[in-house]
Amino acid sequence: MEQNDINIHQLTDEIYQILHKRMDKLGIAYGIVTEFSYNPEEPPSWIISIENSKIVLTSSILFQYMKQHHNLEDTLTHFMRDHFSYFN
């Protein structure tokens, strides 16, 4: 799946919902901030905080994971497992 095949702006709400659903199940303190640029050509990014840990999910990172996992839910699950010990 190439970056050109997917419109990241169309996926933004779905990404936000999947992340919230995954973290609500953990029952821990977390935060997700979606950052949009004033430049419409620039894709959004997500700042994900769990307790004292913070990571930024950019569209380029998202697309790298999508090449390996092929669907959005699996992509986000593997990203979270790779970056937060709570998901292992």
C-alpha atoms as a PDB file:
ATOM      1  CA  MET A   1       0.000   0.000   0.000  1.00  0.00           C
ATOM      2  CA  GLU A   2       1.581   3.257  -1.097  1.00  0.00           C
ATOM      3  CA  GLN A   3       1.175   6.607   0.574  1.00  0.00           C
ATOM      4  CA  ASN A   4      -0.465   7.959  -2.586  1.00  0.00           C
ATOM      5  CA  ASP A   5      -3.166   5.273  -2.412  1.00  0.00           C
ATOM      6  CA  ILE A   6      -4.477   6.534   0.931  1.00  0.00           C
ATOM      7  CA  ASN A   7      -5.810   9.931   1.847  1.00  0.00           C
ATOM      8  CA  ILE A   8      -4.584  10.460   5.412  1.00  0.00           C
ATOM      9  CA  HIS A   9      -7.129  13.203   6.004  1.00  0.00           C
ATOM     10  CA  GLN A  10      -9.941  10.716   5.364  1.00  0.00           C
ATOM     11  CA  LEU A  11      -8.452   8.317   7.922  1.00  0.00           C
ATOM     12  CA  THR A  12      -7.940  10.868  10.701  1.00  0.00           C
ATOM     13  CA  ASP A  13     -11.229  10.221  12.528  1.00  0.00           C
ATOM     14  CA  GLU A  14     -10.847   6.462  12.221  1.00  0.00           C
ATOM     15  CA  ILE A  15      -7.282   6.590  13.578  1.00  0.00           C
ATOM     16  CA  TYR A  16      -8.425   8.689  16.532  1.00  0.00           C
ATOM     17  CA  GLN A  17     -11.300   6.274  17.295  1.00  0.00           C
ATOM     18  CA  ILE A  18      -9.110   3.165  17.077  1.00  0.00           C
ATOM     19  CA  LEU A  19      -6.472   4.675  19.360  1.00  0.00           C
ATOM     20  CA  HIS A  20      -9.079   5.673  21.945  1.00  0.00           C
ATOM     21  CA  LYS A  21     -10.741   2.259  21.813  1.00  0.00           C
ATOM     22  CA  ARG A  22      -7.414   0.459  22.333  1.00  0.00           C
ATOM     23  CA  MET A  23      -6.396   2.645  25.276  1.00  0.00           C
ATOM     24  CA  ASP A  24      -9.800   2.713  26.970  1.00  0.00           C
ATOM     25  CA  LYS A  25      -9.481  -1.059  27.334  1.00  0.00           C
ATOM     26  CA  LEU A  26      -6.266  -0.608  29.333  1.00  0.00           C
ATOM     27  CA  GLY A  27      -7.875   1.515  32.019  1.00  0.00           C
ATOM     28  CA  ILE A  28      -4.874   3.836  32.358  1.00  0.00           C
ATOM     29  CA  ALA A  29      -4.367   7.588  32.039  1.00  0.00           C
ATOM     30  CA  TYR A  30      -3.697   8.629  28.455  1.00  0.00           C
ATOM     31  CA  GLY A  31      -4.060  11.499  26.038  1.00  0.00           C
ATOM     32  CA  ILE A  32      -4.246  11.815  22.275  1.00  0.00           C
ATOM     33  CA  VAL A  33      -3.789  15.111  20.504  1.00  0.00           C
ATOM     34  CA  THR A  34      -4.292  15.349  16.760  1.00  0.00           C
ATOM     35  CA  GLU A  35      -2.164  18.124  15.301  1.00  0.00           C
ATOM     36  CA  PHE A  36      -3.173  19.755  12.042  1.00  0.00           C
ATOM     37  CA  SER A  37      -1.038  22.163  10.060  1.00  0.00           C
ATOM     38  CA  TYR A  38      -2.231  25.449   8.629  1.00  0.00           C
ATOM     39  CA  ASN A  39      -0.821  24.127   5.373  1.00  0.00           C
ATOM     40  CA  PRO A  40      -3.488  21.797   3.909  1.00  0.00           C
ATOM     41  CA  GLU A  41      -0.786  19.887   2.040  1.00  0.00           C
ATOM     42  CA  GLU A  42       0.845  18.826   5.303  1.00  0.00           C
ATOM     43  CA  PRO A  43      -0.677  15.689   6.883  1.00  0.00           C
ATOM     44  CA  PRO A  44      -1.780  15.540  10.513  1.00  0.00           C
ATOM     45  CA  SER A  45       0.162  13.833  13.283  1.00  0.00           C
ATOM     46  CA  TRP A  46      -0.889  12.374  16.630  1.00  0.00           C
ATOM     47  CA  ILE A  47       0.799  12.921  19.979  1.00  0.00           C
ATOM     48  CA  ILE A  48       0.060   9.923  22.174  1.00  0.00           C
ATOM     49  CA  SER A  49       0.763  10.134  25.901  1.00  0.00           C
ATOM     50  CA  ILE A  50       0.419   7.271  28.344  1.00  0.00           C
ATOM     51  CA  GLU A  51       1.282   8.204  31.898  1.00  0.00           C
ATOM     52  CA  ASN A  52       4.876   9.534  31.644  1.00  0.00           C
ATOM     53  CA  SER A  53       5.592   8.330  28.096  1.00  0.00           C
ATOM     54  CA  LYS A  54       4.943  10.288  24.927  1.00  0.00           C
ATOM     55  CA  ILE A  55       5.359   9.437  21.230  1.00  0.00           C
ATOM     56  CA  VAL A  56       4.444  11.214  18.013  1.00  0.00           C
ATOM     57  CA  LEU A  57       2.772   9.199  15.276  1.00  0.00           C
ATOM     58  CA  THR A  58       3.370  10.887  11.934  1.00  0.00           C
ATOM     59  CA  SER A  59       1.796   9.881   8.657  1.00  0.00           C
ATOM     60  CA  SER A  60       5.163   8.636   7.362  1.00  0.00           C
ATOM     61  CA  ILE A  61       5.497   6.306  10.375  1.00  0.00           C
ATOM     62  CA  LEU A  62       1.887   5.218   9.916  1.00  0.00           C
ATOM     63  CA  PHE A  63       2.486   4.360   6.246  1.00  0.00           C
ATOM     64  CA  GLN A  64       5.603   2.349   7.113  1.00  0.00           C
ATOM     65  CA  TYR A  65       3.539   0.240   9.518  1.00  0.00           C
ATOM     66  CA  MET A  66       0.714  -0.066   6.978  1.00  0.00           C
ATOM     67  CA  LYS A  67       3.119  -1.597   4.466  1.00  0.00           C
ATOM     68  CA  GLN A  68       3.671  -4.439   6.938  1.00  0.00           C
ATOM     69  CA  HIS A  69       0.201  -4.893   8.438  1.00  0.00           C
ATOM     70  CA  HIS A  70      -2.234  -3.951   5.654  1.00  0.00           C
ATOM     71  CA  ASN A  71      -5.179  -2.730   7.746  1.00  0.00           C
ATOM     72  CA  LEU A  72      -5.475   0.262   9.993  1.00  0.00           C
ATOM     73  CA  GLU A  73      -6.426  -1.497  13.228  1.00  0.00           C
ATOM     74  CA  ASP A  74      -3.517  -3.967  13.022  1.00  0.00           C
ATOM     75  CA  THR A  75      -1.195  -1.137  12.022  1.00  0.00           C
ATOM     76  CA  LEU A  76      -2.072   0.937  15.081  1.00  0.00           C
ATOM     77  CA  THR A  77      -1.978  -2.085  17.396  1.00  0.00           C
ATOM     78  CA  HIS A  78       1.562  -2.968  16.288  1.00  0.00           C
ATOM     79  CA  PHE A  79       2.687   0.649  16.524  1.00  0.00           C
ATOM     80  CA  MET A  80       1.387   0.848  20.099  1.00  0.00           C
ATOM     81  CA  ARG A  81       3.001  -2.480  21.036  1.00  0.00           C
ATOM     82  CA  ASP A  82       6.331  -1.324  19.644  1.00  0.00           C
ATOM     83  CA  HIS A  83       6.293   1.961  21.584  1.00  0.00           C
ATOM     84  CA  PHE A  84       4.433   1.342  24.840  1.00  0.00           C
ATOM     85  CA  SER A  85       5.064  -1.521  27.256  1.00  0.00           C
ATOM     86  CA  TYR A  86       1.384  -1.492  28.270  1.00  0.00           C
ATOM     87  CA  PHE A  87       0.498  -3.260  25.019  1.00  0.00           C
ATOM     88  CA  ASN A  88       2.866  -6.224  25.361  1.00  0.00           C
END
